[in-house]
Amino acid sequence: MRRIVVRAPACSADIVTFLKHALRTHAEELHAGERAEFAFDAERFSFPAAIFESLLAGVDLQLLSTHEEDGTRVLEVEKQQRGSA
């Protein structure tokens, strides 16, 4: 399974807009049914799971599980058929 590391922006960019763009960019690389892990700095991306689920659904990704490991938040996702999320 591919692990995609999303680093927080160094500038003062809107973190949600940045996250939407990063998710959309990487979601386009995945095929329907393909699973991947997104890894985020748990401190910089401290959103509730519901926020991540909403952002992921917007790019046809389904959240399967989430966990933390050594200060990194890991989301396991699956690419859905376009429009079926």
PDB file of N, CA and C in Angstrom:
ATOM      1  N   MET A   1       0.851  -1.170   0.000  1.00  0.00           N
ATOM      2  CA  MET A   1       0.000   0.000   0.000  1.00  0.00           C
ATOM      3  C   MET A   1       0.901   1.238   0.000  1.00  0.00           C
ATOM      4  N   ARG A   2       0.535   2.179  -0.814  1.00  0.00           N
ATOM      5  CA  ARG A   2       1.301   3.418  -0.931  1.00  0.00           C
ATOM      6  C   ARG A   2       1.062   4.312   0.281  1.00  0.00           C
ATOM      7  N   ARG A   3       2.143   4.904   0.814  1.00  0.00           N
ATOM      8  CA  ARG A   3       2.015   5.883   1.892  1.00  0.00           C
ATOM      9  C   ARG A   3       2.380   7.244   1.317  1.00  0.00           C
ATOM     10  N   ILE A   4       1.464   8.184   1.458  1.00  0.00           N
ATOM     11  CA  ILE A   4       1.642   9.541   0.953  1.00  0.00           C
ATOM     12  C   ILE A   4       1.823  10.457   2.160  1.00  0.00           C
ATOM     13  N   VAL A   5       2.980  11.091   2.238  1.00  0.00           N
ATOM     14  CA  VAL A   5       3.276  11.984   3.347  1.00  0.00           C
ATOM     15  C   VAL A   5       2.898  13.403   2.935  1.00  0.00           C
ATOM     16  N   VAL A   6       2.021  14.027   3.726  1.00  0.00           N
ATOM     17  CA  VAL A   6       1.594  15.403   3.465  1.00  0.00           C
ATOM     18  C   VAL A   6       2.224  16.280   4.537  1.00  0.00           C
ATOM     19  N   ARG A   7       3.105  17.142   4.106  1.00  0.00           N
ATOM     20  CA  ARG A   7       3.779  18.050   5.031  1.00  0.00           C
ATOM     21  C   ARG A   7       3.019  19.371   5.105  1.00  0.00           C
ATOM     22  N   ALA A   8       2.970  19.941   6.285  1.00  0.00           N
ATOM     23  CA  ALA A   8       2.296  21.229   6.477  1.00  0.00           C
ATOM     24  C   ALA A   8       3.069  22.317   5.742  1.00  0.00           C
ATOM     25  N   PRO A   9       2.362  23.307   5.228  1.00  0.00           N
ATOM     26  CA  PRO A   9       3.050  24.398   4.519  1.00  0.00           C
ATOM     27  C   PRO A   9       3.921  25.199   5.475  1.00  0.00           C
ATOM     28  N   ALA A  10       5.051  25.671   4.966  1.00  0.00           N
ATOM     29  CA  ALA A  10       5.963  26.476   5.779  1.00  0.00           C
ATOM     30  C   ALA A  10       5.446  27.900   5.949  1.00  0.00           C
ATOM     31  N   CYS A  11       4.626  28.342   5.023  1.00  0.00           N
ATOM     32  CA  CYS A  11       4.088  29.704   5.094  1.00  0.00           C
ATOM     33  C   CYS A  11       2.782  29.693   5.905  1.00  0.00           C
ATOM     34  N   SER A  12       2.161  30.821   5.984  1.00  0.00           N
ATOM     35  CA  SER A  12       0.921  30.928   6.767  1.00  0.00           C
ATOM     36  C   SER A  12      -0.317  30.686   5.902  1.00  0.00           C
ATOM     37  N   ALA A  13      -0.214  29.793   4.936  1.00  0.00           N
ATOM     38  CA  ALA A  13      -1.331  29.476   4.055  1.00  0.00           C
ATOM     39  C   ALA A  13      -2.501  28.897   4.849  1.00  0.00           C
ATOM     40  N   ASP A  14      -3.693  29.038   4.303  1.00  0.00           N
ATOM     41  CA  ASP A  14      -4.881  28.433   4.907  1.00  0.00           C
ATOM     42  C   ASP A  14      -4.708  26.916   4.861  1.00  0.00           C
ATOM     43  N   ILE A  15      -4.607  26.303   6.016  1.00  0.00           N
ATOM     44  CA  ILE A  15      -4.285  24.879   6.105  1.00  0.00           C
ATOM     45  C   ILE A  15      -5.374  24.000   5.488  1.00  0.00           C
ATOM     46  N   VAL A  16      -6.634  24.402   5.574  1.00  0.00           N
ATOM     47  CA  VAL A  16      -7.715  23.600   4.994  1.00  0.00           C
ATOM     48  C   VAL A  16      -7.654  23.638   3.466  1.00  0.00           C
ATOM     49  N   THR A  17      -7.426  24.821   2.902  1.00  0.00           N
ATOM     50  CA  THR A  17      -7.292  24.942   1.447  1.00  0.00           C
ATOM     51  C   THR A  17      -6.093  24.141   0.964  1.00  0.00           C
ATOM     52  N   PHE A  18      -4.998  24.227   1.692  1.00  0.00           N
ATOM     53  CA  PHE A  18      -3.806  23.458   1.362  1.00  0.00           C
ATOM     54  C   PHE A  18      -4.112  21.960   1.386  1.00  0.00           C
ATOM     55  N   LEU A  19      -4.809  21.510   2.428  1.00  0.00           N
ATOM     56  CA  LEU A  19      -5.143  20.098   2.575  1.00  0.00           C
ATOM     57  C   LEU A  19      -6.058  19.625   1.451  1.00  0.00           C
ATOM     58  N   LYS A  20      -7.055  20.427   1.086  1.00  0.00           N
ATOM     59  CA  LYS A  20      -7.950  20.072  -0.032  1.00  0.00           C
ATOM     60  C   LYS A  20      -7.149  19.857  -1.314  1.00  0.00           C
ATOM     61  N   HIS A  21      -6.234  20.779  -1.572  1.00  0.00           N
ATOM     62  CA  HIS A  21      -5.420  20.678  -2.785  1.00  0.00           C
ATOM     63  C   HIS A  21      -4.542  19.421  -2.746  1.00  0.00           C
ATOM     64  N   ALA A  22      -3.897  19.161  -1.628  1.00  0.00           N
ATOM     65  CA  ALA A  22      -3.029  17.987  -1.515  1.00  0.00           C
ATOM     66  C   ALA A  22      -3.823  16.693  -1.700  1.00  0.00           C
ATOM     67  N   LEU A  23      -4.991  16.599  -1.066  1.00  0.00           N
ATOM     68  CA  LEU A  23      -5.820  15.395  -1.207  1.00  0.00           C
ATOM     69  C   LEU A  23      -6.287  15.212  -2.642  1.00  0.00           C
ATOM     70  N   ARG A  24      -6.735  16.301  -3.275  1.00  0.00           N
ATOM     71  CA  ARG A  24      -7.220  16.225  -4.662  1.00  0.00           C
ATOM     72  C   ARG A  24      -6.098  15.771  -5.594  1.00  0.00           C
ATOM     73  N   THR A  25      -4.908  16.346  -5.420  1.00  0.00           N
ATOM     74  CA  THR A  25      -3.772  16.000  -6.276  1.00  0.00           C
ATOM     75  C   THR A  25      -3.434  14.519  -6.165  1.00  0.00           C
ATOM     76  N   HIS A  26      -3.357  14.005  -4.958  1.00  0.00           N
ATOM     77  CA  HIS A  26      -2.990  12.600  -4.779  1.00  0.00           C
ATOM     78  C   HIS A  26      -4.136  11.656  -5.113  1.00  0.00           C
ATOM     79  N   ALA A  27      -5.370  12.070  -4.893  1.00  0.00           N
ATOM     80  CA  ALA A  27      -6.518  11.222  -5.231  1.00  0.00           C
ATOM     81  C   ALA A  27      -6.581  10.963  -6.731  1.00  0.00           C
ATOM     82  N   GLU A  28      -6.169  11.941  -7.523  1.00  0.00           N
ATOM     83  CA  GLU A  28      -6.181  11.771  -8.983  1.00  0.00           C
ATOM     84  C   GLU A  28      -5.222  10.678  -9.440  1.00  0.00           C
ATOM     85  N   GLU A  29      -4.212  10.380  -8.645  1.00  0.00           N
ATOM     86  CA  GLU A  29      -3.222   9.356  -8.990  1.00  0.00           C
ATOM     87  C   GLU A  29      -3.696   7.939  -8.675  1.00  0.00           C
ATOM     88  N   LEU A  30      -4.740   7.817  -7.876  1.00  0.00           N
ATOM     89  CA  LEU A  30      -5.225   6.505  -7.455  1.00  0.00           C
ATOM     90  C   LEU A  30      -6.315   5.995  -8.387  1.00  0.00           C
ATOM     91  N   HIS A  31      -6.413   4.679  -8.498  1.00  0.00           N
ATOM     92  CA  HIS A  31      -7.454   4.030  -9.296  1.00  0.00           C
ATOM     93  C   HIS A  31      -8.579   3.569  -8.378  1.00  0.00           C
ATOM     94  N   ALA A  32      -9.768   3.434  -8.912  1.00  0.00           N
ATOM     95  CA  ALA A  32     -10.915   2.965  -8.123  1.00  0.00           C
ATOM     96  C   ALA A  32     -10.561   1.644  -7.445  1.00  0.00           C
ATOM     97  N   GLY A  33     -10.857   1.564  -6.146  1.00  0.00           N
ATOM     98  CA  GLY A  33     -10.575   0.362  -5.373  1.00  0.00           C
ATOM     99  C   GLY A  33      -9.174   0.324  -4.776  1.00  0.00           C
ATOM    100  N   GLU A  34      -8.303   1.227  -5.203  1.00  0.00           N
ATOM    101  CA  GLU A  34      -6.931   1.256  -4.683  1.00  0.00           C
ATOM    102  C   GLU A  34      -6.913   1.889  -3.293  1.00  0.00           C
ATOM    103  N   ARG A  35      -6.101   1.315  -2.423  1.00  0.00           N
ATOM    104  CA  ARG A  35      -5.952   1.836  -1.065  1.00  0.00           C
ATOM    105  C   ARG A  35      -4.618   2.544  -0.924  1.00  0.00           C
ATOM    106  N   ALA A  36      -4.611   3.521  -0.034  1.00  0.00           N
ATOM    107  CA  ALA A  36      -3.384   4.264   0.256  1.00  0.00           C
ATOM    108  C   ALA A  36      -3.459   4.772   1.684  1.00  0.00           C
ATOM    109  N   GLU A  37      -2.316   5.185   2.203  1.00  0.00           N
ATOM    110  CA  GLU A  37      -2.267   5.816   3.512  1.00  0.00           C
ATOM    111  C   GLU A  37      -1.784   7.249   3.330  1.00  0.00           C
ATOM    112  N   PHE A  38      -2.457   8.163   3.990  1.00  0.00           N
ATOM    113  CA  PHE A  38      -2.002   9.547   4.058  1.00  0.00           C
ATOM    114  C   PHE A  38      -1.422   9.750   5.450  1.00  0.00           C
ATOM    115  N   ALA A  39      -0.217  10.293   5.518  1.00  0.00           N
ATOM    116  CA  ALA A  39       0.440  10.533   6.796  1.00  0.00           C
ATOM    117  C   ALA A  39       0.612  12.039   6.989  1.00  0.00           C
ATOM    118  N   PHE A  40       0.163  12.538   8.135  1.00  0.00           N
ATOM    119  CA  PHE A  40       0.188  13.963   8.450  1.00  0.00           C
ATOM    120  C   PHE A  40       0.837  14.178   9.806  1.00  0.00           C
ATOM    121  N   ASP A  41       1.442  15.339   9.998  1.00  0.00           N
ATOM    122  CA  ASP A  41       1.909  15.756  11.311  1.00  0.00           C
ATOM    123  C   ASP A  41       0.666  15.911  12.191  1.00  0.00           C
ATOM    124  N   ALA A  42       0.562  15.119  13.242  1.00  0.00           N
ATOM    125  CA  ALA A  42      -0.641  15.107  14.080  1.00  0.00           C
ATOM    126  C   ALA A  42      -0.901  16.453  14.737  1.00  0.00           C
ATOM    127  N   GLU A  43       0.150  17.201  15.022  1.00  0.00           N
ATOM    128  CA  GLU A  43      -0.021  18.501  15.674  1.00  0.00           C
ATOM    129  C   GLU A  43      -0.539  19.556  14.703  1.00  0.00           C
ATOM    130  N   ARG A  44       0.021  19.612  13.510  1.00  0.00           N
ATOM    131  CA  ARG A  44      -0.384  20.629  12.524  1.00  0.00           C
ATOM    132  C   ARG A  44      -1.734  20.312  11.882  1.00  0.00           C
ATOM    133  N   PHE A  45      -2.063  19.035  11.762  1.00  0.00           N
ATOM    134  CA  PHE A  45      -3.330  18.606  11.156  1.00  0.00           C
ATOM    135  C   PHE A  45      -4.177  17.935  12.236  1.00  0.00           C
ATOM    136  N   SER A  46      -4.583  18.704  13.229  1.00  0.00           N
ATOM    137  CA  SER A  46      -5.283  18.146  14.394  1.00  0.00           C
ATOM    138  C   SER A  46      -6.804  18.201  14.250  1.00  0.00           C
ATOM    139  N   PHE A  47      -7.304  18.092  13.047  1.00  0.00           N
ATOM    140  CA  PHE A  47      -8.747  18.150  12.805  1.00  0.00           C
ATOM    141  C   PHE A  47      -9.441  16.883  13.305  1.00  0.00           C
ATOM    142  N   PRO A  48     -10.715  17.002  13.670  1.00  0.00           N
ATOM    143  CA  PRO A  48     -11.492  15.799  14.016  1.00  0.00           C
ATOM    144  C   PRO A  48     -11.633  14.886  12.787  1.00  0.00           C
ATOM    145  N   ALA A  49     -11.840  13.623  13.038  1.00  0.00           N
ATOM    146  CA  ALA A  49     -11.982  12.652  11.943  1.00  0.00           C
ATOM    147  C   ALA A  49     -13.092  13.045  10.979  1.00  0.00           C
ATOM    148  N   ALA A  50     -14.162  13.658  11.481  1.00  0.00           N
ATOM    149  CA  ALA A  50     -15.281  14.046  10.613  1.00  0.00           C
ATOM    150  C   ALA A  50     -14.848  15.067   9.554  1.00  0.00           C
ATOM    151  N   ILE A  51     -13.932  15.952   9.898  1.00  0.00           N
ATOM    152  CA  ILE A  51     -13.424  16.927   8.924  1.00  0.00           C
ATOM    153  C   ILE A  51     -12.655  16.204   7.830  1.00  0.00           C
ATOM    154  N   PHE A  52     -11.786  15.273   8.223  1.00  0.00           N
ATOM    155  CA  PHE A  52     -11.041  14.503   7.230  1.00  0.00           C
ATOM    156  C   PHE A  52     -11.998  13.706   6.342  1.00  0.00           C
ATOM    157  N   GLU A  53     -13.007  13.078   6.944  1.00  0.00           N
ATOM    158  CA  GLU A  53     -13.969  12.304   6.156  1.00  0.00           C
ATOM    159  C   GLU A  53     -14.652  13.163   5.109  1.00  0.00           C
ATOM    160  N   SER A  54     -15.039  14.363   5.492  1.00  0.00           N
ATOM    161  CA  SER A  54     -15.700  15.280   4.563  1.00  0.00           C
ATOM    162  C   SER A  54     -14.761  15.691   3.430  1.00  0.00           C
ATOM    163  N   LEU A  55     -13.534  16.055   3.775  1.00  0.00           N
ATOM    164  CA  LEU A  55     -12.569  16.452   2.751  1.00  0.00           C
ATOM    165  C   LEU A  55     -12.236  15.282   1.819  1.00  0.00           C
ATOM    166  N   LEU A  56     -12.100  14.095   2.370  1.00  0.00           N
ATOM    167  CA  LEU A  56     -11.808  12.915   1.563  1.00  0.00           C
ATOM    168  C   LEU A  56     -12.965  12.579   0.632  1.00  0.00           C
ATOM    169  N   ALA A  57     -14.191  12.669   1.135  1.00  0.00           N
ATOM    170  CA  ALA A  57     -15.366  12.369   0.306  1.00  0.00           C
ATOM    171  C   ALA A  57     -15.439  13.310  -0.890  1.00  0.00           C
ATOM    172  N   GLY A  58     -14.984  14.544  -0.701  1.00  0.00           N
ATOM    173  CA  GLY A  58     -14.993  15.526  -1.783  1.00  0.00           C
ATOM    174  C   GLY A  58     -14.073  15.173  -2.940  1.00  0.00           C
ATOM    175  N   VAL A  59     -13.133  14.260  -2.717  1.00  0.00           N
ATOM    176  CA  VAL A  59     -12.218  13.822  -3.780  1.00  0.00           C
ATOM    177  C   VAL A  59     -12.350  12.317  -4.026  1.00  0.00           C
ATOM    178  N   ASP A  60     -13.531  11.773  -3.712  1.00  0.00           N
ATOM    179  CA  ASP A  60     -13.862  10.360  -3.962  1.00  0.00           C
ATOM    180  C   ASP A  60     -12.962   9.375  -3.217  1.00  0.00           C
ATOM    181  N   LEU A  61     -12.574   9.742  -1.983  1.00  0.00           N
ATOM    182  CA  LEU A  61     -11.820   8.829  -1.129  1.00  0.00           C
ATOM    183  C   LEU A  61     -12.663   8.511   0.101  1.00  0.00           C
ATOM    184  N   GLN A  62     -12.650   7.251   0.517  1.00  0.00           N
ATOM    185  CA  GLN A  62     -13.371   6.832   1.709  1.00  0.00           C
ATOM    186  C   GLN A  62     -12.368   6.545   2.816  1.00  0.00           C
ATOM    187  N   LEU A  63     -12.614   7.096   3.999  1.00  0.00           N
ATOM    188  CA  LEU A  63     -11.758   6.846   5.153  1.00  0.00           C
ATOM    189  C   LEU A  63     -12.068   5.455   5.700  1.00  0.00           C
ATOM    190  N   LEU A  64     -11.063   4.596   5.748  1.00  0.00           N
ATOM    191  CA  LEU A  64     -11.236   3.234   6.261  1.00  0.00           C
ATOM    192  C   LEU A  64     -10.816   3.131   7.719  1.00  0.00           C
ATOM    193  N   SER A  65      -9.703   3.793   8.062  1.00  0.00           N
ATOM    194  CA  SER A  65      -9.235   3.763   9.447  1.00  0.00           C
ATOM    195  C   SER A  65      -8.283   4.930   9.669  1.00  0.00           C
ATOM    196  N   THR A  66      -8.064   5.217  10.944  1.00  0.00           N
ATOM    197  CA  THR A  66      -7.127   6.271  11.323  1.00  0.00           C
ATOM    198  C   THR A  66      -6.413   5.854  12.596  1.00  0.00           C
ATOM    199  N   HIS A  67      -5.133   6.184  12.675  1.00  0.00           N
ATOM    200  CA  HIS A  67      -4.359   5.921  13.889  1.00  0.00           C
ATOM    201  C   HIS A  67      -3.172   6.874  13.939  1.00  0.00           C
ATOM    202  N   GLU A  68      -2.535   6.928  15.098  1.00  0.00           N
ATOM    203  CA  GLU A  68      -1.344   7.758  15.259  1.00  0.00           C
ATOM    204  C   GLU A  68      -0.154   6.875  15.575  1.00  0.00           C
ATOM    205  N   GLU A  69       0.992   7.286  15.028  1.00  0.00           N
ATOM    206  CA  GLU A  69       2.241   6.585  15.325  1.00  0.00           C
ATOM    207  C   GLU A  69       3.362   7.616  15.397  1.00  0.00           C
ATOM    208  N   ASP A  70       3.930   7.771  16.562  1.00  0.00           N
ATOM    209  CA  ASP A  70       5.048   8.693  16.790  1.00  0.00           C
ATOM    210  C   ASP A  70       4.771  10.114  16.309  1.00  0.00           C
ATOM    211  N   GLY A  71       3.630  10.671  16.685  1.00  0.00           N
ATOM    212  CA  GLY A  71       3.304  12.046  16.315  1.00  0.00           C
ATOM    213  C   GLY A  71       2.822  12.229  14.887  1.00  0.00           C
ATOM    214  N   THR A  72       2.580  11.131  14.206  1.00  0.00           N
ATOM    215  CA  THR A  72       2.085  11.173  12.830  1.00  0.00           C
ATOM    216  C   THR A  72       0.689  10.577  12.796  1.00  0.00           C
ATOM    217  N   ARG A  73      -0.232  11.303  12.203  1.00  0.00           N
ATOM    218  CA  ARG A  73      -1.597  10.807  12.045  1.00  0.00           C
ATOM    219  C   ARG A  73      -1.679  10.115  10.693  1.00  0.00           C
ATOM    220  N   VAL A  74      -2.136   8.868  10.686  1.00  0.00           N
ATOM    221  CA  VAL A  74      -2.195   8.064   9.470  1.00  0.00           C
ATOM    222  C   VAL A  74      -3.656   7.739   9.157  1.00  0.00           C
ATOM    223  N   LEU A  75      -4.063   8.074   7.942  1.00  0.00           N
ATOM    224  CA  LEU A  75      -5.412   7.776   7.474  1.00  0.00           C
ATOM    225  C   LEU A  75      -5.320   6.743   6.367  1.00  0.00           C
ATOM    226  N   GLU A  76      -5.983   5.612   6.541  1.00  0.00           N
ATOM    227  CA  GLU A  76      -6.067   4.625   5.467  1.00  0.00           C
ATOM    228  C   GLU A  76      -7.325   4.934   4.674  1.00  0.00           C
ATOM    229  N   VAL A  77      -7.165   5.061   3.359  1.00  0.00           N
ATOM    230  CA  VAL A  77      -8.288   5.441   2.501  1.00  0.00           C
ATOM    231  C   VAL A  77      -8.406   4.491   1.320  1.00  0.00           C
ATOM    232  N   GLU A  78      -9.568   4.524   0.690  1.00  0.00           N
ATOM    233  CA  GLU A  78      -9.791   3.758  -0.535  1.00  0.00           C
ATOM    234  C   GLU A  78     -10.443   4.665  -1.558  1.00  0.00           C
ATOM    235  N   LYS A  79      -9.930   4.615  -2.775  1.00  0.00           N
ATOM    236  CA  LYS A  79     -10.489   5.407  -3.882  1.00  0.00           C
ATOM    237  C   LYS A  79     -11.817   4.784  -4.297  1.00  0.00           C
ATOM    238  N   GLN A  80     -12.844   5.612  -4.363  1.00  0.00           N
ATOM    239  CA  GLN A  80     -14.173   5.152  -4.759  1.00  0.00           C
ATOM    240  C   GLN A  80     -14.389   5.425  -6.244  1.00  0.00           C
ATOM    241  N   GLN A  81     -15.385   4.748  -6.806  1.00  0.00           N
ATOM    242  CA  GLN A  81     -15.796   5.079  -8.171  1.00  0.00           C
ATOM    243  C   GLN A  81     -16.259   6.522  -8.166  1.00  0.00           C
ATOM    244  N   ARG A  82     -15.958   7.277  -9.170  1.00  0.00           N
ATOM    245  CA  ARG A  82     -16.361   8.688  -9.230  1.00  0.00           C
ATOM    246  C   ARG A  82     -17.873   8.802  -9.017  1.00  0.00           C
ATOM    247  N   GLY A  83     -18.222   9.637  -8.027  1.00  0.00           N
ATOM    248  CA  GLY A  83     -19.631   9.882  -7.751  1.00  0.00           C
ATOM    249  C   GLY A  83     -20.284   8.896  -6.815  1.00  0.00           C
ATOM    250  N   SER A  84     -19.551   7.871  -6.350  1.00  0.00           N
ATOM    251  CA  SER A  84     -20.173   6.892  -5.460  1.00  0.00           C
ATOM    252  C   SER A  84     -19.762   7.071  -4.015  1.00  0.00           C
ATOM    253  N   ALA A  85     -18.997   8.105  -3.708  1.00  0.00           N
ATOM    254  CA  ALA A  85     -18.503   8.296  -2.334  1.00  0.00           C
ATOM    255  C   ALA A  85     -19.590   8.713  -1.387  1.00  0.00           C
TER     256      ALA A  85
END
